[in-house]
C-alpha atoms as a PDB file:
ATOM      1  CA  UNK A   1      63.646 103.506  18.019  1.00  0.00           C
ATOM      2  CA  UNK A   2      64.730 102.540  21.550  1.00  0.00           C
ATOM      3  CA  UNK A   3      68.365 102.361  22.557  1.00  0.00           C
ATOM      4  CA  UNK A   4      69.181  99.819  25.235  1.00  0.00           C
ATOM      5  CA  UNK A   5      71.707 100.439  27.981  1.00  0.00           C
ATOM      6  CA  UNK A   6      73.643  97.363  26.848  1.00  0.00           C
ATOM      7  CA  UNK A   7      74.273  98.949  23.451  1.00  0.00           C
ATOM      8  CA  UNK A   8      75.194 102.335  24.878  1.00  0.00           C
ATOM      9  CA  UNK A   9      77.342 101.322  27.842  1.00  0.00           C
ATOM     10  CA  UNK A  10      78.553  97.874  26.773  1.00  0.00           C
ATOM     11  CA  UNK A  11      80.240  95.917  29.518  1.00  0.00           C
ATOM     12  CA  UNK A  12      81.176  99.081  31.400  1.00  0.00           C
ATOM     13  CA  UNK A  13      78.005  98.903  33.457  1.00  0.00           C
ATOM     14  CA  UNK A  14      79.157  95.493  34.696  1.00  0.00           C
ATOM     15  CA  UNK A  15      82.658  96.849  35.260  1.00  0.00           C
ATOM     16  CA  UNK A  16      81.250  99.337  37.752  1.00  0.00           C
ATOM     17  CA  UNK A  17      79.574  96.545  39.734  1.00  0.00           C
ATOM     18  CA  UNK A  18      82.770  94.483  39.783  1.00  0.00           C
ATOM     19  CA  UNK A  19      84.945  97.443  40.817  1.00  0.00           C
ATOM     20  CA  UNK A  20      82.489  98.390  43.563  1.00  0.00           C
ATOM     21  CA  UNK A  21      82.397  94.843  44.916  1.00  0.00           C
ATOM     22  CA  UNK A  22      86.200  94.621  44.835  1.00  0.00           C
ATOM     23  CA  UNK A  23      86.450  97.900  46.766  1.00  0.00           C
ATOM     24  CA  UNK A  24      84.204  96.413  49.475  1.00  0.00           C
ATOM     25  CA  UNK A  25      86.366  93.274  49.691  1.00  0.00           C
ATOM     26  CA  UNK A  26      89.606  95.268  49.905  1.00  0.00           C
ATOM     27  CA  UNK A  27      88.127  97.605  52.525  1.00  0.00           C
ATOM     28  CA  UNK A  28      87.088  94.542  54.526  1.00  0.00           C
ATOM     29  CA  UNK A  29      90.662  93.274  54.360  1.00  0.00           C
ATOM     30  CA  UNK A  30      91.954  96.591  55.676  1.00  0.00           C
ATOM     31  CA  UNK A  31      89.353  96.643  58.438  1.00  0.00           C
ATOM     32  CA  UNK A  32      90.472  93.178  59.562  1.00  0.00           C
ATOM     33  CA  UNK A  33      94.211  93.850  59.414  1.00  0.00           C
ATOM     34  CA  UNK A  34      94.558  93.186  63.162  1.00  0.00           C
ATOM     35  CA  UNK A  35      92.070  90.306  63.401  1.00  0.00           C
ATOM     36  CA  UNK A  36      93.902  87.106  64.373  1.00  0.00           C
ATOM     37  CA  UNK A  37      93.537  84.356  61.773  1.00  0.00           C
ATOM     38  CA  UNK A  38      91.851  86.574  59.176  1.00  0.00           C
ATOM     39  CA  UNK A  39      92.674  85.561  55.610  1.00  0.00           C
ATOM     40  CA  UNK A  40      92.917  88.350  53.012  1.00  0.00           C
ATOM     41  CA  UNK A  41      90.595  87.888  50.055  1.00  0.00           C
ATOM     42  CA  UNK A  42      90.414  89.461  46.642  1.00  0.00           C
ATOM     43  CA  UNK A  43      88.341  89.402  43.514  1.00  0.00           C
ATOM     44  CA  UNK A  44      89.997  88.374  40.261  1.00  0.00           C
ATOM     45  CA  UNK A  45      88.853  91.240  38.036  1.00  0.00           C
ATOM     46  CA  UNK A  46      89.848  89.525  34.778  1.00  0.00           C
ATOM     47  CA  UNK A  47      87.728  86.446  35.500  1.00  0.00           C
ATOM     48  CA  UNK A  48      84.771  88.530  36.680  1.00  0.00           C
ATOM     49  CA  UNK A  49      85.040  90.783  33.615  1.00  0.00           C
ATOM     50  CA  UNK A  50      85.077  87.800  31.243  1.00  0.00           C
ATOM     51  CA  UNK A  51      82.019  86.419  33.018  1.00  0.00           C
ATOM     52  CA  UNK A  52      80.241  89.772  32.668  1.00  0.00           C
ATOM     53  CA  UNK A  53      81.083  89.972  28.963  1.00  0.00           C
ATOM     54  CA  UNK A  54      79.880  86.405  28.473  1.00  0.00           C
ATOM     55  CA  UNK A  55      76.615  87.148  30.284  1.00  0.00           C
ATOM     56  CA  UNK A  56      76.070  90.201  28.091  1.00  0.00           C
ATOM     57  CA  UNK A  57      76.813  88.374  24.830  1.00  0.00           C
ATOM     58  CA  UNK A  58      74.666  85.346  25.664  1.00  0.00           C
ATOM     59  CA  UNK A  59      71.809  87.388  27.087  1.00  0.00           C
ATOM     60  CA  UNK A  60      68.722  86.580  25.019  1.00  0.00           C
ATOM     61  CA  UNK A  61      66.780  89.443  23.523  1.00  0.00           C
ATOM     62  CA  UNK A  62      63.426  87.889  24.369  1.00  0.00           C
ATOM     63  CA  UNK A  63      62.580  84.509  25.839  1.00  0.00           C
ATOM     64  CA  UNK A  64      59.352  82.625  25.324  1.00  0.00           C
ATOM     65  CA  UNK A  65      58.344  80.047  27.904  1.00  0.00           C
ATOM     66  CA  UNK A  66      56.704  77.169  26.039  1.00  0.00           C
ATOM     67  CA  UNK A  67      56.701  74.637  28.890  1.00  0.00           C
ATOM     68  CA  UNK A  68      56.220  74.777  32.650  1.00  0.00           C
ATOM     69  CA  UNK A  69      59.572  72.992  32.989  1.00  0.00           C
ATOM     70  CA  UNK A  70      61.426  75.928  31.421  1.00  0.00           C
ATOM     71  CA  UNK A  71      63.325  78.343  33.600  1.00  0.00           C
ATOM     72  CA  UNK A  72      61.572  81.613  34.389  1.00  0.00           C
ATOM     73  CA  UNK A  73      63.071  84.630  32.592  1.00  0.00           C
ATOM     74  CA  UNK A  74      62.929  86.697  35.788  1.00  0.00           C
ATOM     75  CA  UNK A  75      65.232  84.246  37.570  1.00  0.00           C
ATOM     76  CA  UNK A  76      68.143  85.114  35.258  1.00  0.00           C
ATOM     77  CA  UNK A  77      70.371  87.844  36.652  1.00  0.00           C
ATOM     78  CA  UNK A  78      72.497  90.225  34.634  1.00  0.00           C
ATOM     79  CA  UNK A  79      75.154  90.233  37.336  1.00  0.00           C
ATOM     80  CA  UNK A  80      78.154  87.965  36.835  1.00  0.00           C
ATOM     81  CA  UNK A  81      79.053  85.461  39.529  1.00  0.00           C
ATOM     82  CA  UNK A  82      81.815  87.114  41.533  1.00  0.00           C
ATOM     83  CA  UNK A  83      84.157  84.545  43.020  1.00  0.00           C
ATOM     84  CA  UNK A  84      86.393  85.593  45.884  1.00  0.00           C
ATOM     85  CA  UNK A  85      89.793  84.016  46.305  1.00  0.00           C
ATOM     86  CA  UNK A  86      92.180  83.984  49.221  1.00  0.00           C
ATOM     87  CA  UNK A  87      95.405  85.860  48.640  1.00  0.00           C
ATOM     88  CA  UNK A  88      98.825  84.478  49.510  1.00  0.00           C
ATOM     89  CA  UNK A  89     100.840  87.088  51.396  1.00  0.00           C
ATOM     90  CA  UNK A  90     104.221  88.248  50.151  1.00  0.00           C
ATOM     91  CA  UNK A  91     105.566  88.059  53.696  1.00  0.00           C
ATOM     92  CA  UNK A  92     103.703  85.668  55.940  1.00  0.00           C
ATOM     93  CA  UNK A  93     102.983  86.875  59.471  1.00  0.00           C
ATOM     94  CA  UNK A  94     103.723  83.897  61.663  1.00  0.00           C
ATOM     95  CA  UNK A  95     102.435  85.621  64.806  1.00  0.00           C
ATOM     96  CA  UNK A  96      98.647  85.562  64.556  1.00  0.00           C
ATOM     97  CA  UNK A  97      97.918  83.854  61.220  1.00  0.00           C
ATOM     98  CA  UNK A  98      96.566  87.042  59.620  1.00  0.00           C
ATOM     99  CA  UNK A  99      97.442  87.334  55.905  1.00  0.00           C
ATOM    100  CA  UNK A 100      96.519  91.012  55.430  1.00  0.00           C
ATOM    101  CA  UNK A 101      99.433  93.184  54.324  1.00  0.00           C
ATOM    102  CA  UNK A 102      98.236  96.741  54.916  1.00  0.00           C
ATOM    103  CA  UNK A 103     100.549  98.427  52.393  1.00  0.00           C
ATOM    104  CA  UNK A 104      99.651  95.959  49.636  1.00  0.00           C
ATOM    105  CA  UNK A 105      95.925  96.288  50.418  1.00  0.00           C
ATOM    106  CA  UNK A 106      96.103 100.086  50.294  1.00  0.00           C
ATOM    107  CA  UNK A 107      97.907  99.946  46.953  1.00  0.00           C
ATOM    108  CA  UNK A 108      95.289  97.573  45.516  1.00  0.00           C
ATOM    109  CA  UNK A 109      92.477  99.727  46.920  1.00  0.00           C
ATOM    110  CA  UNK A 110      93.901 102.932  45.415  1.00  0.00           C
ATOM    111  CA  UNK A 111      94.504 101.203  42.068  1.00  0.00           C
ATOM    112  CA  UNK A 112      90.933  99.859  42.050  1.00  0.00           C
ATOM    113  CA  UNK A 113      89.597 103.335  42.899  1.00  0.00           C
ATOM    114  CA  UNK A 114      91.542 104.927  40.031  1.00  0.00           C
ATOM    115  CA  UNK A 115      90.198 102.341  37.593  1.00  0.00           C
ATOM    116  CA  UNK A 116      86.686 102.906  38.953  1.00  0.00           C
ATOM    117  CA  UNK A 117      87.093 106.648  38.345  1.00  0.00           C
ATOM    118  CA  UNK A 118      88.376 106.022  34.812  1.00  0.00           C
ATOM    119  CA  UNK A 119      85.284 103.944  34.050  1.00  0.00           C
ATOM    120  CA  UNK A 120      83.077 106.662  35.540  1.00  0.00           C
ATOM    121  CA  UNK A 121      84.758 109.256  33.315  1.00  0.00           C
ATOM    122  CA  UNK A 122      84.161 107.078  30.263  1.00  0.00           C
ATOM    123  CA  UNK A 123      80.492 106.524  31.165  1.00  0.00           C
ATOM    124  CA  UNK A 124      79.978 110.235  31.880  1.00  0.00           C
ATOM    125  CA  UNK A 125      81.335 110.967  28.398  1.00  0.00           C
ATOM    126  CA  UNK A 126      78.870 108.494  26.888  1.00  0.00           C
ATOM    127  CA  UNK A 127      75.994 110.058  28.816  1.00  0.00           C
ATOM    128  CA  UNK A 128      77.051 113.552  27.720  1.00  0.00           C
ATOM    129  CA  UNK A 129      77.073 112.422  24.084  1.00  0.00           C
ATOM    130  CA  UNK A 130      73.591 110.926  24.472  1.00  0.00           C
ATOM    131  CA  UNK A 131      72.287 114.123  26.067  1.00  0.00           C
ATOM    132  CA  UNK A 132      73.802 116.173  23.273  1.00  0.00           C
ATOM    133  CA  UNK A 133      72.241 113.886  20.653  1.00  0.00           C
ATOM    134  CA  UNK A 134      68.844 114.222  22.335  1.00  0.00           C
ATOM    135  CA  UNK A 135      69.120 118.014  22.484  1.00  0.00           C
ATOM    136  CA  UNK A 136      70.031 118.341  18.819  1.00  0.00           C
ATOM    137  CA  UNK A 137      67.306 115.945  17.682  1.00  0.00           C
ATOM    138  CA  UNK A 138      64.548 117.981  19.345  1.00  0.00           C
END
């Protein structure tokens, strides 16, 4: 009896992808803090998470192509569509048009990193339980 990663890890595998992508976006904001006209962007985690959960729930177990007009199974990705949005600054900088607020970006980056680590801890616990189950079944 095979156990699929979707059953073991649930949506947490998608959470890792979303958190990683958000970290890249926030790091890009920090890197462009002094770039004139740069607009800070962010990823709405809630929307991306709902998309990931929807992709997982609607993912077919096995598709059969009965017509050449049907979509190819290999063209379907497991990754949710991650939509970036521009962030409105709390205090607009009228000097150079840059909307990056370094303190706010750092706070969001640290918060995202802590949530990433929490997900990693959860997944490591799941993996440890699987390893223990495999050891005891042998």
